[in-house]
Amino acid sequence: MTVTFMKFTLDGAAVDSRETLHTLLAAGLGLPVWYGKNLDALHDCLTDIREPVELTVINGNRLKDTLGPYAERLRRMLSHTADESDFLSLSWHE
């Protein structure tokens, strides 16, 4: 049996707005078309995954520079979601 998994790296240096953030996440993680492009919708989508996903965030400090407190809310939500999920792993790098 072969286990497939998805790897996606989000580069904080490529994010210039919340809309760009959510567009990159939707494309990189293959989120459904109904994804609402907000943290609650992202949490819902990530808790619904049933195949392993490795999400790596690089240049997290750039997210903080661009998005302010929203970046910290994103980090906390992703961390909590990864703790809850058997399928999501998160690596966050400043």
Protein backbone atom coordinates (compact mmCIF):
# COMPACT_ATOMS: atom_id res chain seq x y z
CA MET A 1 0.00 0.00 0.00
CA THR A 2 1.38 3.40 -0.99
CA VAL A 3 0.54 6.39 1.16
CA THR A 4 0.36 9.59 -0.82
CA PHE A 5 0.68 12.94 0.79
CA MET A 6 0.71 16.52 -0.19
CA LYS A 7 3.47 18.97 0.62
CA PHE A 8 2.93 22.69 0.33
CA THR A 9 5.26 25.53 1.26
CA LEU A 10 3.76 28.94 1.84
CA ASP A 11 6.35 31.68 1.43
CA GLY A 12 5.42 34.67 3.57
CA ALA A 13 7.51 36.87 1.27
CA ALA A 14 4.99 36.19 -1.53
CA VAL A 15 2.01 37.40 0.51
CA ASP A 16 0.98 41.03 0.11
CA SER A 17 -2.59 40.84 1.47
CA ARG A 18 -5.08 38.55 3.17
CA GLU A 19 -6.63 37.85 -0.22
CA THR A 20 -3.28 36.74 -1.64
CA LEU A 21 -2.67 34.59 1.43
CA HIS A 22 -5.94 32.74 1.03
CA THR A 23 -5.55 32.44 -2.75
CA LEU A 24 -2.11 30.83 -2.29
CA LEU A 25 -3.42 28.49 0.42
CA ALA A 26 -6.43 27.49 -1.69
CA ALA A 27 -4.29 26.68 -4.72
CA GLY A 28 -1.43 25.06 -2.83
CA LEU A 29 -3.63 22.88 -0.64
CA GLY A 30 -6.24 22.09 -3.27
CA LEU A 31 -9.06 23.55 -1.19
CA PRO A 32 -12.62 23.22 -2.49
CA VAL A 33 -14.26 25.96 -4.55
CA TRP A 34 -16.58 26.78 -1.65
CA TYR A 35 -13.60 27.75 0.55
CA GLY A 36 -14.58 31.09 2.11
CA LYS A 37 -11.07 32.59 2.23
CA ASN A 38 -11.01 33.30 5.96
CA LEU A 39 -9.51 31.56 8.99
CA ASP A 40 -12.73 29.82 10.04
CA ALA A 41 -13.21 28.39 6.55
CA LEU A 42 -9.54 27.36 6.40
CA HIS A 43 -9.89 25.53 9.72
CA ASP A 44 -13.02 23.76 8.44
CA CYS A 45 -11.29 22.68 5.22
CA LEU A 46 -8.17 21.48 7.03
CA THR A 47 -10.12 19.45 9.57
CA ASP A 48 -11.93 17.73 6.69
CA ILE A 49 -8.77 16.42 5.01
CA ARG A 50 -8.33 12.67 5.01
CA GLU A 51 -4.89 12.36 3.41
CA PRO A 52 -1.59 13.49 4.93
CA VAL A 53 -0.67 17.11 4.28
CA GLU A 54 2.65 18.70 5.21
CA LEU A 55 2.30 22.48 5.39
CA THR A 56 5.49 24.48 5.75
CA VAL A 57 5.46 28.24 6.24
CA ILE A 58 8.70 30.05 5.47
CA ASN A 59 9.41 33.72 6.05
CA GLY A 60 6.72 33.85 8.72
CA ASN A 61 8.19 37.15 9.90
CA ARG A 62 7.27 38.65 6.51
CA LEU A 63 3.67 37.55 7.08
CA LYS A 64 3.72 39.45 10.37
CA ASP A 65 5.11 42.53 8.62
CA THR A 66 2.42 42.38 5.93
CA LEU A 67 -0.62 41.09 7.81
CA GLY A 68 0.04 42.30 11.36
CA PRO A 69 -1.94 40.48 14.08
CA TYR A 70 -3.75 38.40 11.44
CA ALA A 71 -0.51 36.49 10.85
CA GLU A 72 -0.36 35.45 14.50
CA ARG A 73 -4.01 34.36 14.40
CA LEU A 74 -3.16 32.30 11.30
CA ARG A 75 -0.18 30.70 13.04
CA ARG A 76 -2.23 29.85 16.14
CA MET A 77 -5.11 28.43 14.13
CA LEU A 78 -2.80 26.29 11.99
CA SER A 79 -0.97 25.05 15.06
CA HIS A 80 -4.20 24.11 16.86
CA THR A 81 -5.58 22.47 13.73
CA ALA A 82 -2.40 20.41 13.27
CA ASP A 83 -2.62 19.34 16.93
CA GLU A 84 -6.23 18.20 16.38
CA SER A 85 -5.67 16.47 13.05
CA ASP A 86 -4.13 13.09 12.28
CA PHE A 87 -3.48 14.29 8.72
CA LEU A 88 -2.02 17.80 8.97
CA SER A 89 1.52 18.58 10.00
CA LEU A 90 2.80 22.15 10.29
CA SER A 91 6.27 23.60 10.26
CA TRP A 92 6.51 27.39 10.76
CA HIS A 93 9.76 29.21 10.14
CA GLU A 94 10.34 32.88 10.86
